[in-house]
Amino acid sequence: MGVEDMFQVFEKIVLGMALIRMVSGLCEVSAAFLMLRFNSVEKALLINSTLSIIGPFIFFSTMSLGLVGITAKISTGKLLWILAGLGLIVYGIRK
């Protein structure tokens, strides 16, 4: 089984969500190494604040892909509940 065969087993939406999360994890690990490299509280806070900007983008990207993947499989009522939940998350984290 080659790499091409392995990727054909996964749904495209799931593969996309997983790849976004892998990029997110790479950003997190890279940020940790940068914090250690610079060895400065000020630079570590700057790096951490950058991650706080990237985090919501990653969250909404994966949720959007997931919603696209299940839109045809769930009822409109359930989709509205999911969107309402996302709206509450946005409301809760806004400044």
C-alpha atoms as a PDB file:
ATOM      1  CA  MET A   1       0.000   0.000   0.000  1.00  0.00           C
ATOM      2  CA  GLY A   2       1.609   3.244  -1.171  1.00  0.00           C
ATOM      3  CA  VAL A   3       1.093   6.765   0.064  1.00  0.00           C
ATOM      4  CA  GLU A   4      -1.360   7.480  -2.753  1.00  0.00           C
ATOM      5  CA  ASP A   5      -3.444   4.450  -1.769  1.00  0.00           C
ATOM      6  CA  MET A   6      -3.464   5.543   1.861  1.00  0.00           C
ATOM      7  CA  PHE A   7      -4.828   9.003   1.028  1.00  0.00           C
ATOM      8  CA  GLN A   8      -7.576   7.508  -1.139  1.00  0.00           C
ATOM      9  CA  VAL A   9      -8.915   5.686   1.925  1.00  0.00           C
ATOM     10  CA  PHE A  10      -9.650   8.931   3.799  1.00  0.00           C
ATOM     11  CA  GLU A  11     -12.497  11.250   2.955  1.00  0.00           C
ATOM     12  CA  LYS A  12     -11.208  14.470   1.440  1.00  0.00           C
ATOM     13  CA  ILE A  13     -12.861  16.588   4.126  1.00  0.00           C
ATOM     14  CA  VAL A  14     -11.319  14.520   6.935  1.00  0.00           C
ATOM     15  CA  LEU A  15      -7.924  14.649   5.246  1.00  0.00           C
ATOM     16  CA  GLY A  16      -8.200  18.433   4.929  1.00  0.00           C
ATOM     17  CA  MET A  17      -9.184  18.805   8.581  1.00  0.00           C
ATOM     18  CA  ALA A  18      -6.292  16.591   9.664  1.00  0.00           C
ATOM     19  CA  LEU A  19      -3.801  18.502   7.526  1.00  0.00           C
ATOM     20  CA  ILE A  20      -4.937  21.824   8.995  1.00  0.00           C
ATOM     21  CA  ARG A  21      -4.480  20.387  12.497  1.00  0.00           C
ATOM     22  CA  MET A  22      -1.016  19.083  11.556  1.00  0.00           C
ATOM     23  CA  VAL A  23      -0.012  22.555  10.367  1.00  0.00           C
ATOM     24  CA  SER A  24      -1.405  23.948  13.622  1.00  0.00           C
ATOM     25  CA  GLY A  25       0.655  21.481  15.633  1.00  0.00           C
ATOM     26  CA  LEU A  26       3.763  22.371  13.632  1.00  0.00           C
ATOM     27  CA  CYS A  27       3.143  26.043  14.434  1.00  0.00           C
ATOM     28  CA  GLU A  28       2.818  25.230  18.144  1.00  0.00           C
ATOM     29  CA  VAL A  29       6.020  23.174  18.261  1.00  0.00           C
ATOM     30  CA  SER A  30       7.898  25.772  16.229  1.00  0.00           C
ATOM     31  CA  ALA A  31       6.724  28.488  18.598  1.00  0.00           C
ATOM     32  CA  ALA A  32       7.974  26.504  21.586  1.00  0.00           C
ATOM     33  CA  PHE A  33      11.404  26.121  19.989  1.00  0.00           C
ATOM     34  CA  LEU A  34      11.502  29.832  19.144  1.00  0.00           C
ATOM     35  CA  MET A  35      10.670  30.701  22.748  1.00  0.00           C
ATOM     36  CA  LEU A  36      13.557  28.541  23.924  1.00  0.00           C
ATOM     37  CA  ARG A  37      15.872  29.947  21.266  1.00  0.00           C
ATOM     38  CA  PHE A  38      15.228  33.594  22.153  1.00  0.00           C
ATOM     39  CA  ASN A  39      15.175  32.862  25.921  1.00  0.00           C
ATOM     40  CA  SER A  40      13.323  36.092  26.652  1.00  0.00           C
ATOM     41  CA  VAL A  41      10.001  36.568  28.414  1.00  0.00           C
ATOM     42  CA  GLU A  42       9.130  39.512  26.159  1.00  0.00           C
ATOM     43  CA  LYS A  43       9.807  37.538  22.966  1.00  0.00           C
ATOM     44  CA  ALA A  44       7.953  34.509  24.372  1.00  0.00           C
ATOM     45  CA  LEU A  45       4.893  36.689  25.015  1.00  0.00           C
ATOM     46  CA  LEU A  46       5.115  38.067  21.482  1.00  0.00           C
ATOM     47  CA  ILE A  47       5.314  34.548  20.038  1.00  0.00           C
ATOM     48  CA  ASN A  48       2.433  33.407  22.247  1.00  0.00           C
ATOM     49  CA  SER A  49       0.271  36.350  21.163  1.00  0.00           C
ATOM     50  CA  THR A  50       0.907  35.404  17.547  1.00  0.00           C
ATOM     51  CA  LEU A  51      -0.338  31.899  18.310  1.00  0.00           C
ATOM     52  CA  SER A  52      -3.485  33.339  19.862  1.00  0.00           C
ATOM     53  CA  ILE A  53      -4.247  34.959  16.502  1.00  0.00           C
ATOM     54  CA  ILE A  54      -3.634  31.743  14.563  1.00  0.00           C
ATOM     55  CA  GLY A  55      -5.680  29.534  16.932  1.00  0.00           C
ATOM     56  CA  PRO A  56      -9.171  30.813  16.084  1.00  0.00           C
ATOM     57  CA  PHE A  57      -8.351  30.709  12.368  1.00  0.00           C
ATOM     58  CA  ILE A  58      -7.408  27.032  12.688  1.00  0.00           C
ATOM     59  CA  PHE A  59     -10.548  26.305  14.717  1.00  0.00           C
ATOM     60  CA  PHE A  60     -12.900  27.972  12.254  1.00  0.00           C
ATOM     61  CA  SER A  61     -11.142  26.433   9.254  1.00  0.00           C
ATOM     62  CA  THR A  62     -11.544  22.905  10.581  1.00  0.00           C
ATOM     63  CA  MET A  63     -15.124  23.547  11.703  1.00  0.00           C
ATOM     64  CA  SER A  64     -16.009  24.995   8.295  1.00  0.00           C
ATOM     65  CA  LEU A  65     -14.613  21.975   6.502  1.00  0.00           C
ATOM     66  CA  GLY A  66     -16.455  19.662   8.871  1.00  0.00           C
ATOM     67  CA  LEU A  67     -19.728  21.514   8.378  1.00  0.00           C
ATOM     68  CA  VAL A  68     -19.323  21.355   4.618  1.00  0.00           C
ATOM     69  CA  GLY A  69     -18.782  17.610   4.950  1.00  0.00           C
ATOM     70  CA  ILE A  70     -21.909  16.958   7.015  1.00  0.00           C
ATOM     71  CA  THR A  71     -24.299  19.513   5.540  1.00  0.00           C
ATOM     72  CA  ALA A  72     -25.967  16.968   3.282  1.00  0.00           C
ATOM     73  CA  LYS A  73     -26.126  14.340   6.047  1.00  0.00           C
ATOM     74  CA  ILE A  74     -27.874  16.236   8.859  1.00  0.00           C
ATOM     75  CA  SER A  75     -31.160  18.046   9.204  1.00  0.00           C
ATOM     76  CA  THR A  76     -31.469  21.803   8.894  1.00  0.00           C
ATOM     77  CA  GLY A  77     -32.455  22.040  12.561  1.00  0.00           C
ATOM     78  CA  LYS A  78     -29.292  20.325  13.745  1.00  0.00           C
ATOM     79  CA  LEU A  79     -27.180  22.480  11.429  1.00  0.00           C
ATOM     80  CA  LEU A  80     -28.780  25.587  12.946  1.00  0.00           C
ATOM     81  CA  TRP A  81     -27.925  24.325  16.454  1.00  0.00           C
ATOM     82  CA  ILE A  82     -24.294  23.821  15.402  1.00  0.00           C
ATOM     83  CA  LEU A  83     -24.143  27.300  13.887  1.00  0.00           C
ATOM     84  CA  ALA A  84     -25.730  28.753  17.033  1.00  0.00           C
ATOM     85  CA  GLY A  85     -23.054  27.016  19.108  1.00  0.00           C
ATOM     86  CA  LEU A  86     -20.322  28.486  16.927  1.00  0.00           C
ATOM     87  CA  GLY A  87     -21.936  31.882  17.274  1.00  0.00           C
ATOM     88  CA  LEU A  88     -21.895  31.541  21.069  1.00  0.00           C
ATOM     89  CA  ILE A  89     -18.211  30.595  20.969  1.00  0.00           C
ATOM     90  CA  VAL A  90     -17.436  33.704  18.923  1.00  0.00           C
ATOM     91  CA  TYR A  91     -19.529  35.836  21.271  1.00  0.00           C
ATOM     92  CA  GLY A  92     -17.763  34.365  24.304  1.00  0.00           C
ATOM     93  CA  ILE A  93     -14.237  34.960  23.032  1.00  0.00           C
ATOM     94  CA  ARG A  94     -14.652  38.408  21.530  1.00  0.00           C
ATOM     95  CA  LYS A  95     -13.180  41.316  23.400  1.00  0.00           C
END
